[in-house]
Amino acid sequence: MSKPLPVRHDLKRPKYGTSPKDQRTCDGIVFDSKKEMRRYQYLKLEKKAGNVLTFLRQTPFHLPGDSRYVCDFTVFWSDGRVTFEDVKGVRTEQYKLKKRQVEEIYAPITILEI
C-alpha cells in the first residue's frame, strides 16, 4: 500500500482560479485569464478578416474619487459600431459598481460582458 502524498500548505491557489501565466500568454502579453486571451485571439482574427478595423486593450475610464475602471477591449468594427467589452469570469461587487458608474457617467456607453 502506498503512502499518501504530504499536503503542501505553502502553495496558495489563485483567488479566482487563475491559470498559470504561461497558459494565458499570447504575443508576449500576460492576460488576466485564458478567456480574455481567447477573446484577444478572436479579435485578431476578426481584424485579419476585415470585420474589425482595430481594437484597444485596457481602456481606462476615470471615475469620481480618484477611481478608475479599465475595460478589457474597445473594438472598432468595420460597420461603424464601437463596442466596449469586459471579459468576465467572476462579477465582483466592485466590478458591478464601477460598471454601473461608467455606464451612467459616460452614457450612451454600454459595457458588454463577454
N, C-alpha and C. Protein backbone atom coordinates (compact mmCIF):
# COMPACT_ATOMS: atom_id res chain seq x y z
N MET A 1 0.85 -1.19 0.00
CA MET A 1 0.00 0.00 0.00
C MET A 1 0.89 1.24 0.00
N SER A 2 0.58 2.19 -0.87
CA SER A 2 1.41 3.40 -0.97
C SER A 2 0.97 4.44 0.05
N LYS A 3 1.95 5.22 0.44
CA LYS A 3 1.68 6.29 1.40
C LYS A 3 1.07 7.49 0.67
N PRO A 4 0.12 8.18 1.29
CA PRO A 4 -0.43 9.39 0.66
C PRO A 4 0.63 10.48 0.60
N LEU A 5 0.56 11.28 -0.44
CA LEU A 5 1.50 12.39 -0.57
C LEU A 5 1.23 13.44 0.50
N PRO A 6 2.28 14.07 1.01
CA PRO A 6 2.08 15.12 2.01
C PRO A 6 1.39 16.33 1.39
N VAL A 7 0.58 16.99 2.17
CA VAL A 7 -0.12 18.19 1.70
C VAL A 7 0.80 19.39 1.89
N ARG A 8 0.94 20.17 0.83
CA ARG A 8 1.78 21.37 0.90
C ARG A 8 0.90 22.56 1.19
N HIS A 9 1.05 23.11 2.35
CA HIS A 9 0.25 24.28 2.74
C HIS A 9 0.88 25.59 2.30
N ASP A 10 2.12 25.52 1.80
CA ASP A 10 2.79 26.75 1.37
C ASP A 10 2.41 27.15 -0.06
N LEU A 11 1.71 26.28 -0.79
CA LEU A 11 1.27 26.61 -2.14
C LEU A 11 -0.12 27.21 -2.08
N LYS A 12 -0.24 28.46 -2.51
CA LYS A 12 -1.53 29.13 -2.47
C LYS A 12 -2.22 28.99 -3.81
N ARG A 13 -3.51 28.72 -3.79
CA ARG A 13 -4.30 28.71 -5.00
C ARG A 13 -4.65 30.15 -5.35
N PRO A 14 -4.73 30.44 -6.64
CA PRO A 14 -5.14 31.79 -7.03
C PRO A 14 -6.56 32.08 -6.53
N LYS A 15 -6.81 33.33 -6.23
CA LYS A 15 -8.08 33.73 -5.65
C LYS A 15 -9.28 33.33 -6.50
N TYR A 16 -9.19 33.52 -7.81
CA TYR A 16 -10.31 33.20 -8.70
C TYR A 16 -9.98 32.03 -9.61
N GLY A 17 -9.04 31.18 -9.23
CA GLY A 17 -8.69 30.02 -10.02
C GLY A 17 -7.96 30.36 -11.32
N THR A 18 -7.18 31.42 -11.31
CA THR A 18 -6.45 31.86 -12.49
C THR A 18 -5.42 30.81 -12.91
N SER A 19 -5.31 30.61 -14.22
CA SER A 19 -4.34 29.66 -14.77
C SER A 19 -2.93 30.21 -14.64
N PRO A 20 -1.92 29.33 -14.73
CA PRO A 20 -0.53 29.80 -14.72
C PRO A 20 -0.27 30.76 -15.88
N LYS A 21 0.69 31.65 -15.69
CA LYS A 21 0.98 32.70 -16.68
C LYS A 21 1.27 32.15 -18.06
N ASP A 22 1.99 31.05 -18.14
CA ASP A 22 2.34 30.51 -19.46
C ASP A 22 1.11 30.04 -20.25
N GLN A 23 0.02 29.74 -19.56
CA GLN A 23 -1.20 29.29 -20.23
C GLN A 23 -2.10 30.44 -20.65
N ARG A 24 -1.79 31.64 -20.21
CA ARG A 24 -2.60 32.81 -20.55
C ARG A 24 -1.74 33.94 -21.12
N THR A 25 -0.72 33.54 -21.86
CA THR A 25 0.19 34.49 -22.50
C THR A 25 0.12 34.32 -24.02
N CYS A 26 -0.02 35.43 -24.72
CA CYS A 26 -0.07 35.42 -26.19
C CYS A 26 0.59 36.70 -26.69
N ASP A 27 1.41 36.58 -27.69
CA ASP A 27 2.12 37.73 -28.26
C ASP A 27 2.89 38.51 -27.20
N GLY A 28 3.39 37.82 -26.20
CA GLY A 28 4.15 38.46 -25.13
C GLY A 28 3.30 39.19 -24.11
N ILE A 29 1.98 39.09 -24.22
CA ILE A 29 1.05 39.76 -23.30
C ILE A 29 0.53 38.72 -22.32
N VAL A 30 0.64 39.01 -21.02
CA VAL A 30 0.07 38.13 -20.00
C VAL A 30 -1.33 38.66 -19.69
N PHE A 31 -2.34 37.86 -20.00
CA PHE A 31 -3.72 38.25 -19.79
C PHE A 31 -4.18 37.84 -18.40
N ASP A 32 -5.26 38.46 -17.93
CA ASP A 32 -5.80 38.13 -16.62
C ASP A 32 -6.40 36.73 -16.58
N SER A 33 -6.81 36.23 -17.74
CA SER A 33 -7.41 34.89 -17.80
C SER A 33 -7.22 34.30 -19.20
N LYS A 34 -7.41 32.99 -19.30
CA LYS A 34 -7.37 32.34 -20.61
C LYS A 34 -8.53 32.82 -21.47
N LYS A 35 -9.65 33.09 -20.84
CA LYS A 35 -10.83 33.57 -21.56
C LYS A 35 -10.54 34.92 -22.22
N GLU A 36 -9.87 35.82 -21.50
CA GLU A 36 -9.51 37.12 -22.06
C GLU A 36 -8.52 36.95 -23.20
N MET A 37 -7.58 36.02 -23.06
CA MET A 37 -6.61 35.75 -24.11
C MET A 37 -7.31 35.21 -25.36
N ARG A 38 -8.28 34.33 -25.18
CA ARG A 38 -9.03 33.80 -26.33
C ARG A 38 -9.81 34.90 -27.04
N ARG A 39 -10.37 35.85 -26.28
CA ARG A 39 -11.08 36.98 -26.90
C ARG A 39 -10.12 37.81 -27.74
N TYR A 40 -8.93 38.05 -27.22
CA TYR A 40 -7.89 38.78 -27.94
C TYR A 40 -7.56 38.08 -29.26
N GLN A 41 -7.39 36.76 -29.21
CA GLN A 41 -7.08 35.99 -30.41
C GLN A 41 -8.24 36.07 -31.42
N TYR A 42 -9.46 36.01 -30.92
CA TYR A 42 -10.64 36.12 -31.78
C TYR A 42 -10.68 37.50 -32.47
N LEU A 43 -10.43 38.56 -31.71
CA LEU A 43 -10.44 39.90 -32.28
C LEU A 43 -9.34 40.07 -33.32
N LYS A 44 -8.19 39.45 -33.10
CA LYS A 44 -7.12 39.48 -34.10
C LYS A 44 -7.57 38.83 -35.40
N LEU A 45 -8.27 37.70 -35.29
CA LEU A 45 -8.79 37.02 -36.48
C LEU A 45 -9.84 37.87 -37.20
N GLU A 46 -10.72 38.51 -36.41
CA GLU A 46 -11.74 39.38 -37.00
C GLU A 46 -11.10 40.57 -37.71
N LYS A 47 -10.02 41.07 -37.16
CA LYS A 47 -9.30 42.18 -37.80
C LYS A 47 -8.68 41.71 -39.11
N LYS A 48 -8.08 40.54 -39.09
CA LYS A 48 -7.47 39.98 -40.30
C LYS A 48 -8.53 39.74 -41.39
N ALA A 49 -9.74 39.35 -40.96
CA ALA A 49 -10.83 39.09 -41.90
C ALA A 49 -11.48 40.38 -42.40
N GLY A 50 -11.15 41.52 -41.76
CA GLY A 50 -11.70 42.80 -42.18
C GLY A 50 -12.98 43.20 -41.47
N ASN A 51 -13.41 42.41 -40.50
CA ASN A 51 -14.62 42.73 -39.74
C ASN A 51 -14.36 43.75 -38.64
N VAL A 52 -13.11 43.84 -38.19
CA VAL A 52 -12.69 44.78 -37.16
C VAL A 52 -11.62 45.68 -37.76
N LEU A 53 -11.79 46.99 -37.60
CA LEU A 53 -10.78 47.94 -38.09
C LEU A 53 -9.56 47.89 -37.17
N THR A 54 -9.83 48.03 -35.88
CA THR A 54 -8.78 47.95 -34.88
C THR A 54 -9.43 47.74 -33.52
N PHE A 55 -8.63 47.42 -32.53
CA PHE A 55 -9.14 47.33 -31.16
C PHE A 55 -8.05 47.74 -30.19
N LEU A 56 -8.49 48.24 -29.06
CA LEU A 56 -7.60 48.71 -28.00
C LEU A 56 -7.75 47.80 -26.79
N ARG A 57 -6.68 47.61 -26.08
CA ARG A 57 -6.71 46.85 -24.83
C ARG A 57 -6.61 47.79 -23.64
N GLN A 58 -7.26 47.42 -22.56
CA GLN A 58 -7.12 48.11 -21.27
C GLN A 58 -7.42 49.60 -21.36
N THR A 59 -8.61 49.93 -21.83
CA THR A 59 -9.04 51.32 -21.95
C THR A 59 -9.52 51.83 -20.59
N PRO A 60 -8.89 52.89 -20.04
CA PRO A 60 -9.31 53.39 -18.73
C PRO A 60 -10.46 54.40 -18.83
N PHE A 61 -11.34 54.35 -17.84
CA PHE A 61 -12.40 55.34 -17.65
C PHE A 61 -12.20 55.92 -16.26
N HIS A 62 -12.08 57.23 -16.18
CA HIS A 62 -11.87 57.88 -14.89
C HIS A 62 -13.20 58.06 -14.18
N LEU A 63 -13.23 57.73 -12.90
CA LEU A 63 -14.44 57.79 -12.09
C LEU A 63 -14.22 58.71 -10.90
N PRO A 64 -15.31 59.16 -10.26
CA PRO A 64 -15.18 60.03 -9.09
C PRO A 64 -14.37 59.38 -7.97
N GLY A 65 -13.73 60.22 -7.19
CA GLY A 65 -12.97 59.73 -6.04
C GLY A 65 -11.64 59.13 -6.40
N ASP A 66 -10.99 59.67 -7.43
CA ASP A 66 -9.68 59.15 -7.88
C ASP A 66 -9.72 57.66 -8.18
N SER A 67 -10.83 57.20 -8.68
CA SER A 67 -11.00 55.79 -9.03
C SER A 67 -11.04 55.67 -10.54
N ARG A 68 -10.86 54.46 -11.04
CA ARG A 68 -10.99 54.25 -12.47
C ARG A 68 -11.44 52.82 -12.74
N TYR A 69 -12.00 52.66 -13.91
CA TYR A 69 -12.45 51.36 -14.40
C TYR A 69 -11.67 51.10 -15.68
N VAL A 70 -11.16 49.90 -15.84
CA VAL A 70 -10.39 49.57 -17.04
C VAL A 70 -11.15 48.51 -17.82
N CYS A 71 -11.54 48.87 -19.01
CA CYS A 71 -12.27 48.00 -19.93
C CYS A 71 -11.25 47.12 -20.67
N ASP A 72 -11.54 45.83 -20.81
CA ASP A 72 -10.59 44.92 -21.46
C ASP A 72 -10.34 45.28 -22.92
N PHE A 73 -11.42 45.52 -23.68
CA PHE A 73 -11.27 45.81 -25.11
C PHE A 73 -12.23 46.90 -25.56
N THR A 74 -11.74 47.80 -26.38
CA THR A 74 -12.57 48.74 -27.12
C THR A 74 -12.40 48.33 -28.58
N VAL A 75 -13.51 47.95 -29.22
CA VAL A 75 -13.45 47.38 -30.56
C VAL A 75 -14.12 48.31 -31.55
N PHE A 76 -13.41 48.63 -32.62
CA PHE A 76 -13.92 49.46 -33.71
C PHE A 76 -14.22 48.53 -34.89
N TRP A 77 -15.51 48.25 -35.10
CA TRP A 77 -15.96 47.33 -36.13
C TRP A 77 -16.03 48.04 -37.48
N SER A 78 -15.87 47.29 -38.55
CA SER A 78 -15.87 47.86 -39.89
C SER A 78 -17.24 48.41 -40.30
N ASP A 79 -18.31 48.00 -39.61
CA ASP A 79 -19.64 48.53 -39.93
C ASP A 79 -19.94 49.84 -39.20
N GLY A 80 -18.94 50.37 -38.47
CA GLY A 80 -19.11 51.65 -37.80
C GLY A 80 -19.41 51.55 -36.30
N ARG A 81 -19.74 50.35 -35.83
CA ARG A 81 -20.01 50.18 -34.40
C ARG A 81 -18.73 50.27 -33.59
N VAL A 82 -18.87 50.70 -32.34
CA VAL A 82 -17.78 50.67 -31.37
C VAL A 82 -18.33 49.95 -30.15
N THR A 83 -17.65 48.89 -29.71
CA THR A 83 -18.10 48.16 -28.52
C THR A 83 -17.04 48.24 -27.43
N PHE A 84 -17.51 48.25 -26.22
CA PHE A 84 -16.65 48.25 -25.04
C PHE A 84 -16.90 46.91 -24.35
N GLU A 85 -15.85 46.09 -24.25
CA GLU A 85 -16.02 44.72 -23.81
C GLU A 85 -15.19 44.42 -22.57
N ASP A 86 -15.80 43.69 -21.68
CA ASP A 86 -15.10 43.22 -20.49
C ASP A 86 -15.29 41.71 -20.41
N VAL A 87 -14.19 40.99 -20.40
CA VAL A 87 -14.23 39.53 -20.32
C VAL A 87 -14.31 39.18 -18.84
N LYS A 88 -15.40 38.55 -18.45
CA LYS A 88 -15.65 38.30 -17.03
C LYS A 88 -15.79 36.82 -16.73
N GLY A 89 -15.21 36.44 -15.63
CA GLY A 89 -15.42 35.12 -15.05
C GLY A 89 -16.21 35.29 -13.78
N VAL A 90 -15.73 36.18 -12.91
CA VAL A 90 -16.37 36.45 -11.63
C VAL A 90 -16.81 37.91 -11.60
N ARG A 91 -18.08 38.14 -11.35
CA ARG A 91 -18.62 39.51 -11.28
C ARG A 91 -18.60 39.96 -9.82
N THR A 92 -17.53 40.62 -9.41
CA THR A 92 -17.43 41.09 -8.03
C THR A 92 -18.33 42.30 -7.82
N GLU A 93 -18.60 42.60 -6.56
CA GLU A 93 -19.42 43.77 -6.24
C GLU A 93 -18.74 45.05 -6.71
N GLN A 94 -17.42 45.12 -6.57
CA GLN A 94 -16.68 46.31 -7.02
C GLN A 94 -16.81 46.46 -8.53
N TYR A 95 -16.71 45.37 -9.26
CA TYR A 95 -16.87 45.43 -10.71
C TYR A 95 -18.26 45.94 -11.07
N LYS A 96 -19.29 45.39 -10.46
CA LYS A 96 -20.66 45.79 -10.77
C LYS A 96 -20.88 47.28 -10.51
N LEU A 97 -20.33 47.77 -9.40
CA LEU A 97 -20.47 49.19 -9.06
C LEU A 97 -19.76 50.06 -10.10
N LYS A 98 -18.52 49.74 -10.43
CA LYS A 98 -17.76 50.56 -11.38
C LYS A 98 -18.37 50.50 -12.78
N LYS A 99 -18.85 49.34 -13.18
CA LYS A 99 -19.50 49.21 -14.49
C LYS A 99 -20.72 50.12 -14.56
N ARG A 100 -21.52 50.10 -13.50
CA ARG A 100 -22.71 50.94 -13.43
C ARG A 100 -22.33 52.42 -13.50
N GLN A 101 -21.28 52.82 -12.78
CA GLN A 101 -20.82 54.21 -12.80
C GLN A 101 -20.38 54.62 -14.20
N VAL A 102 -19.61 53.78 -14.88
CA VAL A 102 -19.16 54.10 -16.24
C VAL A 102 -20.35 54.30 -17.15
N GLU A 103 -21.32 53.41 -17.07
CA GLU A 103 -22.48 53.49 -17.96
C GLU A 103 -23.34 54.72 -17.67
N GLU A 104 -23.34 55.18 -16.42
CA GLU A 104 -24.10 56.40 -16.08
C GLU A 104 -23.33 57.66 -16.49
N ILE A 105 -22.05 57.71 -16.16
CA ILE A 105 -21.25 58.91 -16.42
C ILE A 105 -20.93 59.07 -17.91
N TYR A 106 -20.63 57.98 -18.59
CA TYR A 106 -20.21 58.03 -19.98
C TYR A 106 -21.32 57.59 -20.95
N ALA A 107 -22.57 57.74 -20.55
CA ALA A 107 -23.69 57.35 -21.41
C ALA A 107 -23.53 58.02 -22.76
N PRO A 108 -23.80 57.34 -23.84
CA PRO A 108 -24.54 56.09 -24.01
C PRO A 108 -23.67 54.83 -24.04
N ILE A 109 -22.46 54.89 -23.50
CA ILE A 109 -21.59 53.70 -23.49
C ILE A 109 -22.25 52.59 -22.67
N THR A 110 -22.21 51.38 -23.25
CA THR A 110 -22.65 50.18 -22.55
C THR A 110 -21.50 49.18 -22.61
N ILE A 111 -21.20 48.58 -21.48
CA ILE A 111 -20.10 47.62 -21.43
C ILE A 111 -20.70 46.23 -21.64
N LEU A 112 -20.21 45.55 -22.66
CA LEU A 112 -20.65 44.19 -22.96
C LEU A 112 -19.80 43.21 -22.15
N GLU A 113 -20.45 42.30 -21.48
CA GLU A 113 -19.72 41.26 -20.76
C GLU A 113 -19.57 40.05 -21.65
N ILE A 114 -18.36 39.65 -21.85
CA ILE A 114 -18.06 38.51 -22.72
C ILE A 114 -17.79 37.29 -21.86
